[in-house]
Amino acid sequence: MKKDNKRTSEDFSDIKKLAEEADNNKGFELGFEDDFVEDISQLDFIDDKQNPKESYRLYYTIESILRDHLPKGDKYEELRKTVREEKIIFLTGKRKNENGIRGADSRQAYISSHLKVALNAIFEWLSEGGNSFDLFLKFRKLNIEKGYFKEDELSEFNQKLKGLGYNPKDNN
C-alpha cells in the first residue's frame, strides 16, 4: 500500500508549532563558537568562488615558474624540495604529519588569498633577482603571517637561520 505524500493544513500547523517551539529554545551552546572569527570579513575564503579552471591555471603556472627558475640537478634536489614544501604549506595551511600525510591538496587552495598571493610572491622574487633561499623566506614569512607555525617551531627555525649567518629579524 502506497503512502499518500500530500500534506494537510493540520500537518503544516503541527510543523509550524514545532518550529516556533524550537526557535524559543535557542539558548543552547554547541561548544565551539569561540573558535569562529567574530568579524566575518577576516575569513580568507569569504570572496573566493570555486573555479577549478582558474585554480588549475594558477597552480600549474606556479609550478612551471618554479621548474624553470629553481636550480636544476641532483645537487639541488633538497633545496627544490624545501622551497616547494614551504609553498605547499602556504597553499594548504598544513604540514605533513608523522606518517608523511598532509591531508590537503595545494591544487585546491583558495584563489585570491593563497594561489594569487603565492604567484605574486614568485613574481616579486623573480623581479628582485633573488636566490632560491630568498623564495623560501618569502613563503616562510607568508606562513608565519597566516599562523601556520607555532612560536617554539619558529624560534628553533630562527636559530638554524642564525647558524647560516642570516638574522630573521632583518627580513621584516
N, C-alpha and C. Protein backbone atom coordinates (compact mmCIF):
# COMPACT_ATOMS: atom_id res chain seq x y z
N MET A 1 0.83 -1.17 0.00
CA MET A 1 0.00 0.00 0.00
C MET A 1 0.89 1.24 0.00
N LYS A 2 0.62 2.17 -0.90
CA LYS A 2 1.43 3.36 -1.07
C LYS A 2 0.92 4.47 -0.14
N LYS A 3 1.89 5.10 0.56
CA LYS A 3 1.53 6.17 1.49
C LYS A 3 1.32 7.46 0.72
N ASP A 4 0.29 8.20 1.07
CA ASP A 4 -0.03 9.46 0.40
C ASP A 4 0.92 10.53 0.94
N ASN A 5 1.69 11.19 0.03
CA ASN A 5 2.68 12.19 0.43
C ASN A 5 2.12 13.59 0.52
N LYS A 6 0.85 13.77 0.33
CA LYS A 6 0.25 15.11 0.41
C LYS A 6 0.13 15.54 1.87
N ARG A 7 0.48 16.78 2.10
CA ARG A 7 0.40 17.32 3.46
C ARG A 7 -0.90 18.07 3.63
N THR A 8 -1.45 17.94 4.80
CA THR A 8 -2.69 18.66 5.10
C THR A 8 -2.34 19.93 5.87
N SER A 9 -3.31 20.81 6.01
CA SER A 9 -3.07 22.05 6.76
C SER A 9 -2.80 21.73 8.22
N GLU A 10 -3.32 20.61 8.73
CA GLU A 10 -3.02 20.20 10.10
C GLU A 10 -1.55 19.85 10.25
N ASP A 11 -1.01 19.15 9.23
CA ASP A 11 0.41 18.79 9.26
C ASP A 11 1.27 20.05 9.32
N PHE A 12 0.93 21.05 8.49
CA PHE A 12 1.70 22.28 8.47
C PHE A 12 1.56 23.05 9.77
N SER A 13 0.41 23.04 10.37
CA SER A 13 0.26 23.74 11.65
C SER A 13 1.08 23.04 12.73
N ASP A 14 1.15 21.71 12.69
CA ASP A 14 1.99 20.98 13.65
C ASP A 14 3.47 21.32 13.44
N ILE A 15 3.88 21.38 12.19
CA ILE A 15 5.27 21.72 11.88
C ILE A 15 5.57 23.15 12.32
N LYS A 16 4.62 24.06 12.09
CA LYS A 16 4.80 25.45 12.48
C LYS A 16 4.95 25.55 13.99
N LYS A 17 4.12 24.80 14.74
CA LYS A 17 4.21 24.81 16.21
C LYS A 17 5.57 24.30 16.67
N LEU A 18 6.03 23.21 16.06
CA LEU A 18 7.34 22.65 16.42
C LEU A 18 8.46 23.65 16.13
N ALA A 19 8.36 24.33 14.99
CA ALA A 19 9.38 25.31 14.62
C ALA A 19 9.40 26.47 15.60
N GLU A 20 8.22 26.96 15.99
CA GLU A 20 8.16 28.06 16.95
C GLU A 20 8.72 27.64 18.29
N GLU A 21 8.39 26.42 18.71
CA GLU A 21 8.91 25.91 19.98
C GLU A 21 10.44 25.79 19.92
N ALA A 22 10.94 25.30 18.81
CA ALA A 22 12.39 25.16 18.66
C ALA A 22 13.07 26.52 18.67
N ASP A 23 12.47 27.51 17.99
CA ASP A 23 13.05 28.85 17.96
C ASP A 23 13.07 29.50 19.33
N ASN A 24 12.12 29.15 20.18
CA ASN A 24 12.09 29.70 21.54
C ASN A 24 13.15 29.06 22.43
N ASN A 25 13.66 27.92 22.04
CA ASN A 25 14.65 27.21 22.86
C ASN A 25 16.04 27.26 22.24
N LYS A 26 16.43 28.41 21.74
CA LYS A 26 17.74 28.52 21.08
C LYS A 26 18.85 28.89 22.06
N GLY A 27 18.67 28.74 23.31
CA GLY A 27 19.65 29.17 24.30
C GLY A 27 20.79 28.19 24.53
N PHE A 28 20.90 27.16 23.76
CA PHE A 28 21.96 26.19 23.99
C PHE A 28 23.24 26.60 23.26
N GLU A 29 24.38 26.01 23.68
CA GLU A 29 25.67 26.28 23.04
C GLU A 29 26.21 24.98 22.49
N LEU A 30 26.88 25.08 21.36
CA LEU A 30 27.46 23.90 20.75
C LEU A 30 28.84 23.59 21.32
N GLY A 31 29.52 24.60 21.87
CA GLY A 31 30.81 24.38 22.49
C GLY A 31 32.00 24.78 21.63
N PHE A 32 31.78 25.16 20.40
CA PHE A 32 32.90 25.57 19.55
C PHE A 32 32.72 26.97 18.98
N GLU A 33 31.78 27.72 19.52
CA GLU A 33 31.51 29.05 18.99
C GLU A 33 32.71 29.98 19.11
N ASP A 34 33.51 29.82 20.16
CA ASP A 34 34.65 30.71 20.37
C ASP A 34 35.72 30.54 19.30
N ASP A 35 35.71 29.41 18.59
CA ASP A 35 36.71 29.16 17.55
C ASP A 35 36.45 29.98 16.29
N PHE A 36 35.27 30.54 16.16
CA PHE A 36 34.94 31.28 14.95
C PHE A 36 35.43 32.71 15.02
N VAL A 37 35.80 33.23 13.88
CA VAL A 37 36.22 34.63 13.78
C VAL A 37 34.97 35.50 13.91
N GLU A 38 35.05 36.49 14.80
CA GLU A 38 33.88 37.33 15.01
C GLU A 38 33.59 38.22 13.81
N ASP A 39 34.63 38.74 13.19
CA ASP A 39 34.45 39.60 12.02
C ASP A 39 34.57 38.73 10.78
N ILE A 40 33.46 38.46 10.15
CA ILE A 40 33.43 37.54 9.02
C ILE A 40 34.29 38.03 7.86
N SER A 41 34.57 39.33 7.77
CA SER A 41 35.41 39.84 6.69
C SER A 41 36.86 39.38 6.83
N GLN A 42 37.24 38.85 8.00
CA GLN A 42 38.59 38.36 8.20
C GLN A 42 38.80 36.95 7.66
N LEU A 43 37.76 36.29 7.25
CA LEU A 43 37.88 34.94 6.73
C LEU A 43 38.53 34.97 5.36
N ASP A 44 39.52 34.08 5.15
CA ASP A 44 40.27 34.05 3.90
C ASP A 44 39.39 33.80 2.69
N PHE A 45 38.43 32.96 2.82
CA PHE A 45 37.69 32.46 1.67
C PHE A 45 36.40 33.21 1.40
N ILE A 46 36.14 34.28 2.11
CA ILE A 46 34.83 34.93 2.03
C ILE A 46 34.49 35.39 0.61
N ASP A 47 35.47 35.86 -0.16
CA ASP A 47 35.20 36.33 -1.52
C ASP A 47 35.57 35.31 -2.59
N ASP A 48 36.13 34.18 -2.19
CA ASP A 48 36.54 33.18 -3.16
C ASP A 48 35.37 32.35 -3.65
N LYS A 49 35.34 32.16 -4.93
CA LYS A 49 34.36 31.28 -5.54
C LYS A 49 35.12 30.07 -6.06
N GLN A 50 34.49 28.94 -6.05
CA GLN A 50 35.11 27.73 -6.59
C GLN A 50 35.26 27.90 -8.09
N ASN A 51 36.48 27.81 -8.58
CA ASN A 51 36.73 27.93 -10.01
C ASN A 51 37.87 26.98 -10.36
N PRO A 52 37.55 25.74 -10.64
CA PRO A 52 38.58 24.74 -10.90
C PRO A 52 39.53 25.10 -12.05
N LYS A 53 39.01 25.72 -13.10
CA LYS A 53 39.87 26.10 -14.23
C LYS A 53 40.90 27.14 -13.82
N GLU A 54 40.46 28.14 -13.05
CA GLU A 54 41.38 29.19 -12.59
C GLU A 54 42.39 28.62 -11.59
N SER A 55 41.93 27.78 -10.68
CA SER A 55 42.84 27.14 -9.73
C SER A 55 43.90 26.33 -10.46
N TYR A 56 43.46 25.55 -11.44
CA TYR A 56 44.37 24.73 -12.23
C TYR A 56 45.41 25.62 -12.93
N ARG A 57 44.93 26.67 -13.57
CA ARG A 57 45.82 27.56 -14.31
C ARG A 57 46.86 28.20 -13.38
N LEU A 58 46.41 28.72 -12.26
CA LEU A 58 47.33 29.37 -11.32
C LEU A 58 48.33 28.38 -10.73
N TYR A 59 47.84 27.23 -10.28
CA TYR A 59 48.71 26.25 -9.64
C TYR A 59 49.81 25.80 -10.61
N TYR A 60 49.43 25.45 -11.83
CA TYR A 60 50.43 24.95 -12.77
C TYR A 60 51.30 26.06 -13.35
N THR A 61 50.86 27.30 -13.30
CA THR A 61 51.73 28.42 -13.64
C THR A 61 52.82 28.54 -12.58
N ILE A 62 52.43 28.45 -11.33
CA ILE A 62 53.39 28.50 -10.22
C ILE A 62 54.41 27.37 -10.37
N GLU A 63 53.92 26.17 -10.62
CA GLU A 63 54.82 25.02 -10.76
C GLU A 63 55.77 25.19 -11.94
N SER A 64 55.26 25.70 -13.03
CA SER A 64 56.09 25.90 -14.22
C SER A 64 57.21 26.92 -13.95
N ILE A 65 56.86 28.00 -13.29
CA ILE A 65 57.86 29.02 -12.96
C ILE A 65 58.93 28.43 -12.04
N LEU A 66 58.49 27.69 -11.03
CA LEU A 66 59.46 27.08 -10.12
C LEU A 66 60.36 26.10 -10.86
N ARG A 67 59.79 25.30 -11.73
CA ARG A 67 60.56 24.33 -12.51
C ARG A 67 61.61 25.04 -13.37
N ASP A 68 61.23 26.19 -13.93
CA ASP A 68 62.15 26.92 -14.81
C ASP A 68 63.21 27.72 -14.05
N HIS A 69 62.92 28.15 -12.82
CA HIS A 69 63.81 29.10 -12.15
C HIS A 69 64.52 28.57 -10.91
N LEU A 70 64.09 27.45 -10.36
CA LEU A 70 64.86 26.86 -9.27
C LEU A 70 66.04 26.11 -9.86
N PRO A 71 67.15 26.01 -9.13
CA PRO A 71 68.33 25.33 -9.67
C PRO A 71 68.01 23.87 -10.04
N LYS A 72 68.61 23.44 -11.13
CA LYS A 72 68.37 22.08 -11.62
C LYS A 72 69.50 21.15 -11.19
N GLY A 73 69.25 19.88 -11.27
CA GLY A 73 70.28 18.88 -10.99
C GLY A 73 70.11 18.23 -9.63
N ASP A 74 70.70 17.05 -9.50
CA ASP A 74 70.61 16.26 -8.26
C ASP A 74 71.18 17.00 -7.06
N LYS A 75 72.20 17.79 -7.30
CA LYS A 75 72.86 18.53 -6.22
C LYS A 75 71.88 19.44 -5.47
N TYR A 76 70.88 19.96 -6.21
CA TYR A 76 69.95 20.95 -5.64
C TYR A 76 68.57 20.37 -5.34
N GLU A 77 68.44 19.05 -5.38
CA GLU A 77 67.13 18.43 -5.17
C GLU A 77 66.55 18.78 -3.79
N GLU A 78 67.38 18.74 -2.77
CA GLU A 78 66.91 19.04 -1.41
C GLU A 78 66.45 20.49 -1.31
N LEU A 79 67.15 21.40 -1.96
CA LEU A 79 66.76 22.81 -1.99
C LEU A 79 65.39 22.97 -2.65
N ARG A 80 65.20 22.34 -3.81
CA ARG A 80 63.92 22.42 -4.51
C ARG A 80 62.80 21.85 -3.65
N LYS A 81 63.04 20.72 -2.99
CA LYS A 81 62.02 20.11 -2.12
C LYS A 81 61.65 21.04 -0.98
N THR A 82 62.65 21.69 -0.40
CA THR A 82 62.42 22.58 0.74
C THR A 82 61.59 23.79 0.33
N VAL A 83 61.92 24.40 -0.79
CA VAL A 83 61.17 25.56 -1.27
C VAL A 83 59.74 25.14 -1.61
N ARG A 84 59.60 24.02 -2.30
CA ARG A 84 58.25 23.55 -2.68
C ARG A 84 57.43 23.19 -1.44
N GLU A 85 58.06 22.59 -0.45
CA GLU A 85 57.34 22.23 0.78
C GLU A 85 56.81 23.48 1.47
N GLU A 86 57.62 24.51 1.52
CA GLU A 86 57.17 25.77 2.14
C GLU A 86 56.00 26.36 1.35
N LYS A 87 56.08 26.27 0.02
CA LYS A 87 55.00 26.75 -0.83
C LYS A 87 53.72 25.94 -0.58
N ILE A 88 53.85 24.64 -0.48
CA ILE A 88 52.69 23.77 -0.26
C ILE A 88 52.07 24.03 1.12
N ILE A 89 52.90 24.25 2.12
CA ILE A 89 52.37 24.60 3.44
C ILE A 89 51.54 25.87 3.34
N PHE A 90 52.05 26.85 2.60
CA PHE A 90 51.29 28.09 2.44
C PHE A 90 49.96 27.84 1.74
N LEU A 91 49.98 27.07 0.67
CA LEU A 91 48.76 26.86 -0.11
C LEU A 91 47.72 26.04 0.64
N THR A 92 48.16 25.09 1.45
CA THR A 92 47.21 24.21 2.15
C THR A 92 46.97 24.61 3.59
N GLY A 93 47.93 25.29 4.19
CA GLY A 93 47.83 25.60 5.61
C GLY A 93 48.17 24.41 6.49
N LYS A 94 48.71 23.37 5.89
CA LYS A 94 49.01 22.14 6.64
C LYS A 94 50.39 21.61 6.30
N ARG A 95 51.00 21.02 7.32
CA ARG A 95 52.26 20.32 7.13
C ARG A 95 51.99 18.82 7.18
N LYS A 96 52.93 18.05 6.70
CA LYS A 96 52.77 16.60 6.76
C LYS A 96 52.82 16.13 8.21
N ASN A 97 52.02 15.12 8.52
CA ASN A 97 52.05 14.56 9.87
C ASN A 97 53.20 13.56 9.98
N GLU A 98 53.30 12.89 11.11
CA GLU A 98 54.40 11.95 11.34
C GLU A 98 54.39 10.78 10.36
N ASN A 99 53.27 10.54 9.70
CA ASN A 99 53.18 9.47 8.70
C ASN A 99 53.42 9.98 7.28
N GLY A 100 53.75 11.26 7.15
CA GLY A 100 54.00 11.84 5.84
C GLY A 100 52.74 12.21 5.08
N ILE A 101 51.62 12.32 5.79
CA ILE A 101 50.34 12.64 5.15
C ILE A 101 49.97 14.09 5.48
N ARG A 102 49.65 14.85 4.46
CA ARG A 102 49.29 16.25 4.65
C ARG A 102 47.79 16.42 4.89
N GLY A 103 46.99 15.65 4.19
CA GLY A 103 45.54 15.76 4.35
C GLY A 103 44.95 16.96 3.64
N ALA A 104 45.63 17.48 2.63
CA ALA A 104 45.13 18.61 1.86
C ALA A 104 45.82 18.61 0.50
N ASP A 105 45.18 19.23 -0.46
CA ASP A 105 45.71 19.29 -1.82
C ASP A 105 45.94 20.75 -2.20
N SER A 106 47.18 21.11 -2.44
CA SER A 106 47.51 22.51 -2.73
C SER A 106 46.90 23.00 -4.04
N ARG A 107 46.50 22.09 -4.90
CA ARG A 107 45.85 22.49 -6.16
C ARG A 107 44.45 23.04 -5.90
N GLN A 108 43.93 22.80 -4.70
CA GLN A 108 42.59 23.28 -4.36
C GLN A 108 42.64 24.46 -3.38
N ALA A 109 43.76 25.17 -3.37
CA ALA A 109 43.91 26.31 -2.47
C ALA A 109 42.95 27.43 -2.87
N TYR A 110 42.66 28.30 -1.91
CA TYR A 110 41.83 29.47 -2.21
C TYR A 110 42.55 30.33 -3.24
N ILE A 111 41.79 30.83 -4.18
CA ILE A 111 42.39 31.56 -5.30
C ILE A 111 42.95 32.91 -4.85
N SER A 112 42.12 33.78 -4.29
CA SER A 112 42.57 35.15 -4.02
C SER A 112 43.50 35.24 -2.83
N SER A 113 43.30 34.43 -1.82
CA SER A 113 44.11 34.57 -0.61
C SER A 113 45.35 33.68 -0.58
N HIS A 114 45.45 32.73 -1.51
CA HIS A 114 46.61 31.84 -1.48
C HIS A 114 47.28 31.68 -2.85
N LEU A 115 46.57 31.21 -3.85
CA LEU A 115 47.20 30.98 -5.15
C LEU A 115 47.72 32.28 -5.77
N LYS A 116 46.92 33.33 -5.75
CA LYS A 116 47.37 34.60 -6.32
C LYS A 116 48.48 35.23 -5.47
N VAL A 117 48.39 35.07 -4.17
CA VAL A 117 49.44 35.60 -3.28
C VAL A 117 50.75 34.87 -3.54
N ALA A 118 50.68 33.54 -3.69
CA ALA A 118 51.88 32.76 -3.98
C ALA A 118 52.49 33.17 -5.31
N LEU A 119 51.66 33.33 -6.31
CA LEU A 119 52.15 33.74 -7.63
C LEU A 119 52.79 35.13 -7.55
N ASN A 120 52.17 36.05 -6.82
CA ASN A 120 52.76 37.38 -6.65
C ASN A 120 54.10 37.32 -5.93
N ALA A 121 54.21 36.45 -4.93
CA ALA A 121 55.47 36.30 -4.21
C ALA A 121 56.56 35.80 -5.15
N ILE A 122 56.20 34.89 -6.04
CA ILE A 122 57.17 34.37 -7.01
C ILE A 122 57.56 35.46 -8.01
N PHE A 123 56.57 36.24 -8.47
CA PHE A 123 56.89 37.34 -9.38
C PHE A 123 57.82 38.35 -8.71
N GLU A 124 57.56 38.68 -7.45
CA GLU A 124 58.44 39.59 -6.71
C GLU A 124 59.85 39.03 -6.64
N TRP A 125 59.94 37.74 -6.30
CA TRP A 125 61.23 37.07 -6.20
C TRP A 125 61.99 37.15 -7.52
N LEU A 126 61.29 36.91 -8.61
CA LEU A 126 61.93 36.98 -9.93
C LEU A 126 62.39 38.40 -10.24
N SER A 127 61.54 39.37 -9.97
CA SER A 127 61.88 40.76 -10.29
C SER A 127 63.02 41.29 -9.42
N GLU A 128 63.13 40.75 -8.20
CA GLU A 128 64.21 41.17 -7.30
C GLU A 128 65.52 40.46 -7.62
N GLY A 129 65.45 39.43 -8.46
CA GLY A 129 66.66 38.67 -8.78
C GLY A 129 67.18 37.87 -7.60
N GLY A 130 66.28 37.48 -6.71
CA GLY A 130 66.68 36.76 -5.51
C GLY A 130 67.11 35.34 -5.79
N ASN A 131 67.79 34.77 -4.81
CA ASN A 131 68.18 33.37 -4.95
C ASN A 131 67.08 32.47 -4.39
N SER A 132 67.26 31.18 -4.48
CA SER A 132 66.24 30.22 -4.05
C SER A 132 65.92 30.34 -2.57
N PHE A 133 66.93 30.67 -1.77
CA PHE A 133 66.70 30.82 -0.34
C PHE A 133 65.78 32.01 -0.07
N ASP A 134 65.90 33.05 -0.88
CA ASP A 134 65.02 34.21 -0.74
C ASP A 134 63.56 33.82 -0.99
N LEU A 135 63.33 32.95 -1.97
CA LEU A 135 61.97 32.49 -2.23
C LEU A 135 61.45 31.66 -1.06
N PHE A 136 62.31 30.81 -0.53
CA PHE A 136 61.93 30.04 0.67
C PHE A 136 61.51 30.99 1.78
N LEU A 137 62.29 32.05 2.00
CA LEU A 137 61.99 33.00 3.06
C LEU A 137 60.69 33.76 2.81
N LYS A 138 60.39 34.05 1.54
CA LYS A 138 59.12 34.71 1.22
C LYS A 138 57.95 33.82 1.63
N PHE A 139 58.03 32.53 1.28
CA PHE A 139 56.95 31.62 1.66
C PHE A 139 56.92 31.40 3.17
N ARG A 140 58.08 31.36 3.81
CA ARG A 140 58.10 31.20 5.27
C ARG A 140 57.43 32.39 5.93
N LYS A 141 57.72 33.60 5.43
CA LYS A 141 57.11 34.80 6.00
C LYS A 141 55.59 34.76 5.83
N LEU A 142 55.12 34.34 4.66
CA LEU A 142 53.67 34.20 4.43
C LEU A 142 53.07 33.17 5.39
N ASN A 143 53.77 32.09 5.61
CA ASN A 143 53.28 31.05 6.53
C ASN A 143 53.21 31.57 7.96
N ILE A 144 54.18 32.35 8.34
CA ILE A 144 54.18 32.94 9.69
C ILE A 144 53.00 33.91 9.82
N GLU A 145 52.79 34.73 8.80
CA GLU A 145 51.67 35.69 8.83
C GLU A 145 50.33 34.97 8.95
N LYS A 146 50.20 33.82 8.31
CA LYS A 146 48.95 33.05 8.37
C LYS A 146 48.84 32.24 9.66
N GLY A 147 49.92 32.18 10.43
CA GLY A 147 49.88 31.44 11.70
C GLY A 147 50.04 29.94 11.53
N TYR A 148 50.74 29.52 10.50
CA TYR A 148 50.90 28.09 10.23
C TYR A 148 52.04 27.46 11.03
N PHE A 149 52.77 28.26 11.82
CA PHE A 149 53.85 27.75 12.66
C PHE A 149 53.64 28.22 14.09
N LYS A 150 53.97 27.36 15.03
CA LYS A 150 53.90 27.72 16.45
C LYS A 150 55.18 28.47 16.82
N GLU A 151 55.11 29.25 17.89
CA GLU A 151 56.23 30.09 18.29
C GLU A 151 57.50 29.28 18.57
N ASP A 152 57.38 28.12 19.23
CA ASP A 152 58.57 27.32 19.53
C ASP A 152 59.20 26.77 18.26
N GLU A 153 58.39 26.45 17.26
CA GLU A 153 58.94 25.99 15.98
C GLU A 153 59.70 27.12 15.30
N LEU A 154 59.18 28.33 15.42
CA LEU A 154 59.84 29.47 14.79
C LEU A 154 61.17 29.78 15.47
N SER A 155 61.23 29.70 16.78
CA SER A 155 62.49 30.02 17.44
C SER A 155 63.56 28.99 17.07
N GLU A 156 63.17 27.72 16.94
CA GLU A 156 64.12 26.69 16.51
C GLU A 156 64.59 26.98 15.07
N PHE A 157 63.65 27.33 14.22
CA PHE A 157 63.98 27.67 12.83
C PHE A 157 64.89 28.89 12.78
N ASN A 158 64.59 29.91 13.57
CA ASN A 158 65.39 31.12 13.58
C ASN A 158 66.82 30.84 14.05
N GLN A 159 66.98 29.91 14.99
CA GLN A 159 68.32 29.54 15.44
C GLN A 159 69.11 28.90 14.30
N LYS A 160 68.44 28.07 13.52
CA LYS A 160 69.11 27.44 12.37
C LYS A 160 69.51 28.50 11.36
N LEU A 161 68.64 29.49 11.12
CA LEU A 161 68.96 30.57 10.18
C LEU A 161 70.16 31.37 10.67
N LYS A 162 70.20 31.66 11.97
CA LYS A 162 71.33 32.42 12.50
C LYS A 162 72.62 31.64 12.33
N GLY A 163 72.53 30.31 12.44
CA GLY A 163 73.70 29.46 12.21
C GLY A 163 74.21 29.56 10.78
N LEU A 164 73.32 29.93 9.87
CA LEU A 164 73.70 30.12 8.46
C LEU A 164 74.14 31.56 8.18
N GLY A 165 74.17 32.39 9.24
CA GLY A 165 74.57 33.78 9.06
C GLY A 165 73.44 34.69 8.64
N TYR A 166 72.20 34.26 8.85
CA TYR A 166 71.04 35.06 8.46
C TYR A 166 70.25 35.41 9.71
N ASN A 167 69.92 36.68 9.87
CA ASN A 167 69.11 37.11 11.01
C ASN A 167 67.68 37.31 10.54
N PRO A 168 66.74 36.46 11.00
CA PRO A 168 65.34 36.56 10.55
C PRO A 168 64.72 37.92 10.83
N LYS A 169 65.16 38.61 11.85
CA LYS A 169 64.57 39.91 12.20
C LYS A 169 64.95 40.98 11.18
N ASP A 170 66.03 40.76 10.42
CA ASP A 170 66.44 41.72 9.39
C ASP A 170 65.53 41.67 8.18
N ASN A 171 64.71 40.62 8.06
CA ASN A 171 63.86 40.44 6.86
C ASN A 171 62.47 41.03 7.02
N ASN A 172 62.17 41.67 8.12
CA ASN A 172 60.82 42.21 8.35
C ASN A 172 60.62 43.52 7.74
